[in-house]
Protein backbone atom coordinates (compact mmCIF):
# COMPACT_ATOMS: atom_id res chain seq x y z
CA MET A 1 34.00 -19.28 -37.33
CA ILE A 2 31.48 -16.72 -35.39
CA ARG A 3 31.28 -16.64 -31.71
CA TRP A 4 28.65 -14.68 -29.90
CA ARG A 5 30.19 -13.80 -26.47
CA MET A 6 28.80 -11.52 -23.81
CA GLU A 7 31.21 -9.48 -21.81
CA ARG A 8 31.11 -10.82 -18.37
CA LYS A 9 31.15 -7.56 -16.55
CA GLY A 10 28.47 -6.52 -18.77
CA SER A 11 26.32 -9.53 -18.19
CA LEU A 12 26.46 -8.50 -14.47
CA TRP A 13 24.65 -5.52 -15.32
CA THR A 14 22.49 -7.10 -17.59
CA ALA A 15 21.33 -9.35 -14.96
CA LEU A 16 20.26 -6.79 -12.59
CA VAL A 17 18.78 -4.76 -14.98
CA CYS A 18 16.59 -7.37 -16.89
CA SER A 19 15.48 -8.86 -13.09
CA LEU A 20 14.54 -5.26 -12.14
CA VAL A 21 12.25 -4.87 -15.58
CA GLY A 22 10.98 -8.23 -15.11
CA LEU A 23 9.79 -7.45 -10.99
CA ALA A 24 8.48 -4.15 -12.43
CA ILE A 25 6.37 -5.66 -14.91
CA TYR A 26 5.24 -8.25 -12.59
CA LEU A 27 4.19 -5.69 -10.12
CA ALA A 28 2.53 -3.60 -12.69
CA SER A 29 0.98 -6.47 -14.34
CA SER A 30 -0.31 -7.88 -10.85
CA MET A 31 -1.44 -4.68 -9.30
CA THR A 32 -3.21 -2.88 -12.34
CA GLY A 33 -5.47 -3.83 -15.18
CA TYR A 34 -6.86 -7.20 -15.64
CA LEU A 35 -4.78 -9.20 -12.59
CA ALA A 36 -5.72 -6.02 -10.32
CA GLY A 37 -6.75 -7.75 -6.87
CA LYS A 38 -6.12 -11.23 -7.96
CA GLY A 39 -3.20 -11.74 -5.93
CA LEU A 40 0.54 -10.93 -5.71
CA SER A 41 3.37 -13.59 -4.98
CA ALA A 42 5.72 -12.38 -2.22
CA VAL A 43 7.90 -15.06 -3.29
CA VAL A 44 8.82 -13.40 -6.86
CA ILE A 45 9.70 -10.03 -4.89
CA VAL A 46 11.64 -11.41 -2.11
CA CYS A 47 13.56 -13.87 -4.47
CA THR A 48 14.40 -10.93 -6.86
CA LEU A 49 15.57 -8.91 -3.96
CA LEU A 50 17.80 -11.74 -2.27
CA ALA A 51 19.31 -12.46 -5.69
CA TRP A 52 20.30 -8.75 -6.09
CA VAL A 53 22.01 -9.15 -2.49
CA CYS A 54 23.96 -11.97 -3.76
CA LEU A 55 25.05 -10.51 -6.96
CA ALA A 56 25.79 -6.76 -5.63
CA PRO A 57 29.20 -8.18 -3.35
CA VAL A 58 30.39 -10.46 -5.91
CA GLU A 59 32.70 -8.14 -7.75
CA PRO A 60 34.64 -7.02 -4.69
CA ALA A 61 35.11 -10.72 -3.74
CA ARG A 62 37.20 -11.67 -6.95
CA LEU A 63 40.70 -12.30 -6.50
CA ASP A 64 43.35 -11.70 -9.03
CA GLY A 65 40.81 -12.40 -11.65
CA GLU A 66 39.79 -15.81 -10.34
CA GLN A 67 36.57 -16.40 -8.65
CA SER A 68 36.76 -17.10 -4.81
CA THR A 69 34.50 -19.87 -3.36
CA VAL A 70 32.39 -16.85 -1.75
CA ALA A 71 31.75 -15.28 -4.95
CA SER A 72 30.74 -19.00 -6.81
CA ILE A 73 28.44 -20.00 -3.63
CA ARG A 74 26.80 -16.32 -4.13
CA SER A 75 26.61 -16.56 -7.83
CA LEU A 76 24.90 -20.13 -7.33
CA ALA A 77 22.47 -18.54 -4.52
CA ALA A 78 21.65 -15.57 -7.18
CA GLU A 79 20.74 -18.12 -9.96
CA VAL A 80 18.60 -20.69 -7.85
CA LEU A 81 16.90 -17.62 -6.49
CA LEU A 82 16.31 -16.01 -9.91
CA LEU A 83 14.91 -19.39 -11.09
CA ILE A 84 12.53 -19.70 -8.52
CA ALA A 85 11.17 -16.12 -8.96
CA PHE A 86 10.92 -17.12 -12.83
CA ALA A 87 9.32 -20.00 -12.07
CA VAL A 88 6.75 -18.65 -9.67
CA PHE A 89 6.05 -15.67 -12.24
CA ALA A 90 5.28 -18.05 -15.16
CA MET A 91 3.17 -20.56 -13.41
CA SER A 92 1.15 -17.56 -11.86
CA ARG A 93 0.30 -16.66 -15.71
CA VAL A 94 -0.61 -20.12 -17.05
CA ARG A 95 -4.25 -19.61 -16.56
CA LEU A 96 -4.32 -15.95 -17.95
CA ALA A 97 -2.48 -17.81 -21.19
CA ALA A 98 -4.80 -20.67 -21.48
CA ASP A 99 -7.99 -18.27 -21.10
CA VAL A 100 -6.26 -16.02 -23.95
CA TYR A 101 -5.13 -18.83 -26.31
CA PHE A 102 -6.77 -21.90 -25.64
CA ILE A 103 -10.60 -20.61 -25.12
CA PRO A 104 -11.86 -19.19 -28.02
CA VAL A 105 -14.51 -16.88 -26.66
CA ASN A 106 -14.66 -13.32 -26.02
CA TYR A 107 -12.08 -11.91 -23.61
CA PRO A 108 -11.75 -8.45 -22.33
CA PRO A 109 -8.75 -6.52 -24.19
CA SER A 110 -7.17 -6.26 -21.06
CA GLU A 111 -6.75 -9.81 -20.30
CA GLN A 112 -4.57 -9.67 -23.84
CA THR A 113 -2.65 -6.65 -22.82
CA ALA A 114 -1.79 -8.23 -19.09
CA LEU A 115 -0.86 -11.54 -21.01
CA ASN A 116 1.49 -9.66 -23.28
CA TRP A 117 3.16 -7.67 -20.39
CA SER A 118 3.55 -10.76 -18.52
CA ILE A 119 5.21 -12.61 -21.26
CA LEU A 120 8.18 -9.63 -21.39
CA GLY A 121 8.65 -9.76 -17.77
CA VAL A 122 8.90 -13.53 -17.86
CA ALA A 123 11.49 -12.62 -20.93
CA GLY A 124 13.20 -10.35 -18.62
CA TYR A 125 13.87 -12.91 -15.88
CA ALA A 126 14.75 -15.43 -18.63
CA ILE A 127 17.58 -13.04 -19.68
CA ALA A 128 18.62 -12.36 -16.27
CA ILE A 129 19.27 -16.07 -15.58
CA VAL A 130 21.51 -16.56 -18.65
CA ALA A 131 23.30 -13.55 -17.83
CA VAL A 132 23.97 -14.72 -14.67
CA ILE A 133 25.20 -18.05 -16.01
CA VAL A 134 27.27 -16.29 -18.28
CA ARG A 135 29.00 -13.80 -15.75
CA PHE A 136 30.08 -16.91 -13.49
CA CYS A 137 31.55 -19.44 -16.14
CA GLY A 138 34.81 -19.71 -16.53
CA GLU A 139 36.38 -17.39 -19.58
CA PRO A 140 37.17 -20.21 -22.55
CA ARG A 141 40.90 -21.49 -22.57
CA PRO A 142 42.80 -21.85 -26.09
CA VAL A 143 43.56 -25.32 -27.09
CA ALA A 144 47.48 -26.02 -27.09
CA ILE A 145 48.24 -27.84 -30.68
CA SER A 146 51.61 -29.35 -30.62
CA ALA A 147 53.46 -27.72 -33.92
CA ASP A 148 55.67 -31.11 -34.33
CA PRO A 149 55.44 -32.33 -38.01
CA GLY A 150 56.00 -35.47 -36.80
CA ALA A 151 53.48 -35.88 -34.18
CA LYS A 152 50.13 -38.27 -35.05
CA VAL A 153 47.11 -36.21 -34.68
């Protein structure tokens, strides 16, 4: 049986880097090209920055390989904040996706480019959310199987 396993320490960096990429793409696509001047949500920026603050001090808060209560609360807060940023980012691009994919008219190529970059940014947030979940889930424990030949299974 093949198992896919992400390193717990590496997933913290994955979450930070992917959310940084998602935020950078959000800022760039909102301030340039087709979406320039159409609004920039402070919720995405603030939630991402607060999620970074919640994730950063978690490593020193760990005790003997176990999660402390503070680390668990911070990881939950970071997860919720990243989910809010993801939702606001994705919902702000629904109209753009509808224009490109569901209304077959002549739209400017910059609209398609803005949508493609936005999809990459939303994917960055989605990967960051999964990485935070992987980082703060407990490690799998082996199942003890009795070696007694007379035991009923």
